[in-house]
Protein backbone atom coordinates (compact mmCIF):
# COMPACT_ATOMS: atom_id res chain seq x y z
CA MET A 1 68.86 46.72 90.61
CA LYS A 2 65.22 47.72 89.95
CA THR A 3 62.88 49.78 92.11
CA ALA A 4 59.14 50.07 91.45
CA VAL A 5 57.59 53.50 91.84
CA GLY A 6 53.84 53.28 91.12
CA THR A 7 53.55 51.83 87.61
CA ASN A 8 57.05 52.94 86.64
CA VAL A 9 60.17 50.87 87.11
CA ILE A 10 63.38 52.75 87.81
CA THR A 11 66.57 50.88 87.07
CA ILE A 12 69.51 51.84 89.29
CA ASN A 13 72.83 50.96 87.69
CA PRO A 14 75.50 50.00 90.27
CA GLU A 15 78.03 51.81 88.10
CA GLN A 16 75.95 54.98 88.30
CA LYS A 17 75.78 54.70 92.09
CA LYS A 18 79.55 54.30 92.19
CA ASN A 19 80.06 57.35 89.96
CA LYS A 20 77.68 59.39 92.10
CA ARG A 21 79.58 58.50 95.29
CA LYS A 22 82.85 59.34 93.57
CA LYS A 23 81.44 62.69 92.41
CA THR A 24 80.24 63.46 95.95
CA LYS A 25 83.68 62.68 97.40
CA THR A 26 85.30 64.92 94.80
CA ILE A 27 82.97 67.79 95.68
CA LEU A 28 83.67 67.34 99.40
CA LEU A 29 87.39 67.25 98.69
CA PHE A 30 87.24 70.62 96.96
CA VAL A 31 84.97 72.12 99.65
CA LEU A 32 87.10 70.84 102.54
CA PRO A 33 89.87 73.53 102.34
CA ALA A 34 87.29 76.36 102.38
CA LEU A 35 85.39 74.64 105.17
CA LEU A 36 88.62 74.24 107.16
CA VAL A 37 89.50 77.92 106.74
CA TYR A 38 85.95 78.92 107.67
CA SER A 39 86.04 76.73 110.77
CA VAL A 40 89.41 78.00 111.95
CA PHE A 41 88.87 81.70 111.32
CA ILE A 42 85.09 82.07 111.80
CA LEU A 43 83.48 79.24 113.78
CA TYR A 44 86.27 78.67 116.30
CA PRO A 45 86.64 82.39 117.25
CA ILE A 46 82.88 82.62 117.80
CA ILE A 47 82.86 79.57 120.06
CA ALA A 48 86.01 80.76 121.84
CA THR A 49 84.44 84.18 122.43
CA PHE A 50 81.45 82.67 124.19
CA ASN A 51 83.81 80.44 126.19
CA TYR A 52 86.05 83.34 127.29
CA SER A 53 83.00 85.35 128.33
CA MET A 54 82.47 82.82 131.12
CA TYR A 55 85.85 83.59 132.69
CA ASN A 56 87.60 86.36 134.57
CA TRP A 57 90.74 86.59 132.46
CA ASN A 58 93.22 89.37 131.73
CA GLY A 59 94.14 87.99 128.32
CA VAL A 60 97.84 87.71 129.19
CA GLN A 61 98.24 85.09 131.85
CA ALA A 62 97.21 81.48 131.27
CA GLU A 63 95.18 81.32 134.48
CA LYS A 64 91.47 81.92 134.02
CA THR A 65 88.81 81.93 136.72
CA PHE A 66 85.44 80.51 135.77
CA ILE A 67 82.66 82.90 136.84
CA GLY A 68 79.72 81.66 134.77
CA LEU A 69 77.31 84.40 133.71
CA ALA A 70 78.73 87.03 136.07
CA ASN A 71 80.19 89.02 133.18
CA TYR A 72 76.77 89.19 131.54
CA THR A 73 75.16 90.31 134.79
CA THR A 74 77.76 93.07 135.11
CA LEU A 75 77.37 94.04 131.47
CA PHE A 76 73.62 94.52 131.59
CA SER A 77 74.01 96.84 134.59
CA ASP A 78 76.82 98.79 132.91
CA SER A 79 75.65 102.27 131.89
CA THR A 80 78.54 102.67 129.42
CA PHE A 81 77.45 99.49 127.66
CA TRP A 82 73.91 100.81 127.22
CA GLN A 83 75.23 104.15 125.94
CA ALA A 84 77.46 102.31 123.45
CA LEU A 85 74.56 100.09 122.38
CA GLN A 86 72.36 103.15 121.90
CA ASN A 87 75.00 104.72 119.68
CA ASN A 88 75.29 101.52 117.69
CA MET A 89 71.53 101.40 117.18
CA LEU A 90 71.64 105.00 115.96
CA LEU A 91 74.39 104.00 113.55
CA VAL A 92 72.25 101.09 112.32
CA LEU A 93 69.29 103.37 111.70
CA VAL A 94 71.45 105.87 109.80
CA SER A 95 73.02 103.10 107.75
CA VAL A 96 69.69 101.55 106.77
CA PHE A 97 67.58 104.67 106.31
CA VAL A 98 70.18 107.15 105.03
CA GLN A 99 73.11 105.31 103.46
CA ILE A 100 71.05 102.78 101.49
CA PRO A 101 68.55 105.32 100.06
CA LEU A 102 71.44 107.69 99.26
CA GLY A 103 73.26 104.85 97.51
CA LEU A 104 70.11 104.18 95.48
CA ILE A 105 69.80 107.84 94.50
CA MET A 106 73.45 107.91 93.40
CA ALA A 107 72.92 104.77 91.32
CA LEU A 108 69.82 106.30 89.70
CA VAL A 109 71.81 109.43 88.86
CA LEU A 110 74.45 107.32 87.12
CA PHE A 111 71.73 105.56 85.10
CA SER A 112 70.02 108.77 84.09
CA PRO A 113 70.73 110.39 80.70
CA ILE A 114 73.01 113.16 81.95
CA MET A 115 76.41 114.42 80.88
CA GLY A 116 79.58 113.51 82.77
CA LYS A 117 78.41 110.18 84.20
CA LYS A 118 81.95 108.77 84.11
CA PHE A 119 83.24 111.70 86.12
CA LEU A 120 80.38 111.37 88.64
CA ASN A 121 81.05 107.66 88.93
CA VAL A 122 84.61 108.38 90.03
CA ILE A 123 83.58 111.19 92.39
CA PHE A 124 80.83 109.11 93.99
CA PHE A 125 83.01 106.05 94.53
CA LEU A 126 86.18 107.86 95.64
CA PRO A 127 85.33 108.01 99.41
CA TYR A 128 84.95 104.23 99.58
CA LEU A 129 88.38 103.71 98.02
CA MET A 130 90.17 105.76 100.68
CA SER A 131 91.71 104.25 103.79
CA THR A 132 89.60 104.66 106.92
CA VAL A 133 92.62 106.02 108.77
CA ALA A 134 93.14 108.64 106.07
CA ILE A 135 89.43 109.51 106.15
CA GLY A 136 89.50 109.87 109.93
CA LEU A 137 92.53 112.18 109.87
CA LEU A 138 91.11 114.16 106.95
CA TRP A 139 87.82 114.84 108.71
CA ILE A 140 89.55 115.69 111.99
CA PHE A 141 91.17 118.51 110.05
CA MET A 142 87.85 119.35 108.32
CA TYR A 143 86.16 119.71 111.71
CA ASP A 144 88.99 121.75 113.26
CA PRO A 145 87.36 124.61 115.25
CA ILE A 146 89.89 127.22 114.02
CA ASN A 147 91.24 126.25 110.59
CA GLY A 148 88.71 123.59 109.52
CA PRO A 149 86.83 124.24 106.26
CA VAL A 150 83.55 123.14 107.84
CA ASN A 151 83.69 125.86 110.50
CA GLN A 152 84.84 128.42 107.97
CA ILE A 153 81.68 127.69 105.98
CA VAL A 154 79.61 127.94 109.19
CA GLN A 155 81.13 131.30 109.99
CA LEU A 156 80.36 132.59 106.50
CA PHE A 157 76.69 132.28 107.41
CA GLY A 158 77.22 134.34 110.57
CA PHE A 159 77.38 131.50 113.12
CA ASN A 160 80.08 130.86 115.68
CA ALA A 161 82.61 128.08 115.17
CA ILE A 162 81.40 124.72 116.50
CA PRO A 163 83.74 122.31 118.32
CA TRP A 164 82.27 119.38 116.39
CA LEU A 165 84.31 116.56 117.90
CA ALA A 166 84.73 118.09 121.35
CA ASP A 167 81.07 118.73 122.08
CA LYS A 168 78.85 115.89 123.34
CA ASN A 169 75.91 117.28 121.40
CA THR A 170 77.65 117.34 118.01
CA ALA A 171 80.36 114.67 118.12
CA MET A 172 78.10 111.75 117.17
CA ILE A 173 76.42 113.75 114.39
CA ALA A 174 79.85 114.71 113.01
CA ILE A 175 81.02 111.09 112.82
CA LEU A 176 77.74 109.89 111.33
CA ILE A 177 78.16 112.40 108.50
CA VAL A 178 81.59 110.91 107.78
CA VAL A 179 80.23 107.35 107.88
CA ILE A 180 77.45 108.27 105.44
CA TRP A 181 79.95 109.95 103.14
CA GLN A 182 82.31 106.96 103.23
CA PHE A 183 79.93 104.01 102.83
CA SER A 184 77.06 105.26 100.67
CA PRO A 185 79.15 104.54 97.52
CA PHE A 186 79.29 100.89 98.53
CA TYR A 187 75.50 100.60 98.33
CA MET A 188 75.56 102.63 95.12
CA ILE A 189 77.66 99.88 93.53
CA LEU A 190 75.25 97.18 94.74
CA PHE A 191 72.23 98.97 93.30
CA LYS A 192 74.06 99.83 90.09
CA ALA A 193 74.96 96.18 89.57
CA ALA A 194 71.36 95.13 90.25
CA MET A 195 70.00 97.70 87.79
CA VAL A 196 72.23 96.37 85.04
CA GLY A 197 70.49 92.99 85.45
CA ILE A 198 66.97 94.38 84.90
CA PRO A 199 65.80 93.38 81.39
CA ASP A 200 65.25 96.29 78.99
CA GLU A 201 62.12 94.52 77.75
CA LEU A 202 60.36 95.39 81.01
CA TYR A 203 60.99 99.10 80.50
CA GLU A 204 59.94 98.83 76.84
CA ALA A 205 56.69 97.10 77.83
CA ALA A 206 56.07 99.79 80.45
CA SER A 207 56.64 102.52 77.84
CA ILE A 208 54.19 100.85 75.47
CA ASP A 209 51.61 100.85 78.28
CA GLY A 210 52.17 104.59 78.67
CA ALA A 211 54.02 104.48 82.01
CA SER A 212 55.87 107.60 83.10
CA GLU A 213 59.47 107.52 84.33
CA LEU A 214 58.22 107.66 87.92
CA GLN A 215 55.86 104.76 87.32
CA LYS A 216 58.67 102.76 85.71
CA PHE A 217 60.70 103.27 88.85
CA PHE A 218 57.95 102.18 91.25
CA TYR A 219 56.59 99.30 89.18
CA VAL A 220 59.71 97.98 87.43
CA THR A 221 62.94 99.18 89.04
CA LEU A 222 61.98 99.16 92.71
CA PRO A 223 60.46 95.61 92.79
CA ALA A 224 63.52 94.26 90.98
CA LEU A 225 65.78 95.85 93.63
CA ILE A 226 64.06 94.28 96.66
CA PRO A 227 66.68 91.47 96.98
CA THR A 228 69.40 94.13 96.86
CA PHE A 229 67.63 96.08 99.60
CA VAL A 230 67.58 92.92 101.74
CA THR A 231 71.28 92.23 101.16
CA SER A 232 72.18 95.87 101.76
CA SER A 233 70.20 95.93 105.00
CA ILE A 234 71.99 92.85 106.32
CA LEU A 235 75.38 94.30 105.41
CA ALA A 236 74.46 97.66 106.92
CA ILE A 237 73.29 96.17 110.23
CA VAL A 238 76.23 93.83 110.63
CA GLY A 239 78.71 96.51 109.56
CA SER A 240 77.21 99.06 111.95
CA LEU A 241 77.31 96.67 114.90
CA LYS A 242 80.99 95.81 114.36
CA ALA A 243 82.09 99.37 113.56
CA PHE A 244 85.27 100.48 115.26
CA ASP A 245 88.00 102.19 113.25
CA ILE A 246 86.49 105.56 112.27
CA PHE A 247 85.11 106.13 115.80
CA TYR A 248 88.37 105.19 117.47
CA ILE A 249 90.44 107.38 115.13
CA MET A 250 88.25 110.48 115.32
CA THR A 251 87.20 110.59 119.00
CA GLY A 252 88.24 107.35 120.70
CA GLY A 253 84.70 107.13 122.10
CA GLY A 254 84.76 110.63 123.59
CA PRO A 255 83.96 113.23 124.61
CA GLY A 256 82.64 111.72 127.81
CA GLY A 257 81.49 108.56 126.08
CA ALA A 258 79.21 110.47 123.67
CA THR A 259 80.57 108.49 120.69
CA GLU A 260 81.32 105.25 122.52
CA ILE A 261 80.18 102.21 120.53
CA LEU A 262 80.41 98.53 121.31
CA GLY A 263 83.56 98.10 119.22
CA THR A 264 85.52 100.85 120.99
CA TYR A 265 84.24 99.78 124.39
CA MET A 266 85.23 96.18 123.74
CA TYR A 267 88.71 97.31 122.65
CA LYS A 268 89.20 99.39 125.80
CA GLN A 269 88.08 96.57 128.08
CA GLY A 270 90.26 93.99 126.35
CA PHE A 271 93.47 95.86 125.52
CA ILE A 272 93.53 98.83 127.89
CA ASN A 273 91.87 97.47 131.03
CA PHE A 274 93.10 93.92 130.28
CA SER A 275 89.69 92.46 131.04
CA MET A 276 89.52 89.99 128.17
CA GLY A 277 86.66 88.02 129.68
CA TYR A 278 84.50 91.13 129.89
CA ALA A 279 85.53 92.19 126.37
CA SER A 280 84.53 88.73 125.12
CA THR A 281 81.13 89.23 126.75
CA ILE A 282 80.66 92.45 124.79
CA ALA A 283 81.72 90.66 121.59
CA ALA A 284 79.30 87.80 122.30
CA VAL A 285 76.41 90.24 122.76
CA MET A 286 77.38 92.00 119.52
CA PHE A 287 77.25 88.67 117.70
CA LEU A 288 73.86 87.75 119.18
CA ILE A 289 72.32 91.11 118.27
CA ALA A 290 73.64 90.89 114.70
CA PHE A 291 72.52 87.25 114.39
CA ILE A 292 69.00 88.02 115.62
CA CYS A 293 68.69 91.02 113.27
CA VAL A 294 69.79 88.92 110.29
CA ILE A 295 67.35 86.13 111.18
CA ILE A 296 64.49 88.66 111.45
CA ILE A 297 65.32 90.13 108.04
CA GLN A 298 65.54 86.66 106.47
CA VAL A 299 62.19 85.62 107.95
CA LEU A 300 60.54 88.83 106.70
CA GLU A 301 62.04 88.27 103.24
CA HIS A 302 60.82 84.67 103.22
CA GLN A 303 57.32 85.84 104.13
CA ARG A 304 57.48 88.50 101.43
CA LYS A 305 58.40 85.93 98.77
CA LYS A 306 55.78 83.51 100.06
CA ARG A 307 53.00 86.10 99.79
CA GLY A 308 54.33 87.48 96.53
CA LEU A 309 54.62 91.05 97.77
CA PHE A 310 56.46 93.66 95.67
CA THR A 311 57.07 91.20 92.82
């Protein structure tokens, strides 16, 4: 079979077309198991969550009462929901503007010509290797008003002991410190891996041009790390919106809802109050917020690449 394209003639061999179809079927065959797992464990739960949010259902009995958007109406007038959302947004800000820069600083320290980098590598990464339950219990002891090391240090400076986890004004700050301590090493690893991929020739060329170490960072290292910043931001936002374990272990959302986040509030509604329809509504809103944030970041990144900024 021959097809004319301008002045060129492209010959399409039937055997080639057959091999191409066979190759496509083979690829689909290998992709199918992963696609099946993704559909069962990711797509279906998302669709089911939005479906359950339309019902008044206790999660135990088979009977469900369709109520349309009533759960959403109730949710948006729920003061606890707005408090939890506010706490989640604070967690997002801390994750993006504290954890990620701190992870970058730690990675830069490990790439600097200093002694004991192997030891620092272990020390920096150790918090991320620990179980969240263990971390929660450890820091509950650390924040203990009487015997906790944190308050003992505070008292050394002449201040009174602070009930960190029992005071509305300090509970959220106390948990955010733990979250920063636990997850900053994760971003350190991302930046460290990205720095390894930066060609040495770029630094050599910068040195020949007389660039200082600070200039090398701003004109070579930082532009090369932009994709890592984008990936880290997406992971930080999504991770912050679906946070649950450390907050539930340390305070359970207390005192007085001061550390309530969407994850703990959803858990309480679904498994304590047995209001699975309302809990599904919270989960659906969490998904929508995360999805919108990711889309915004991707659009901004696309515009950055299109305009050639920071490249």
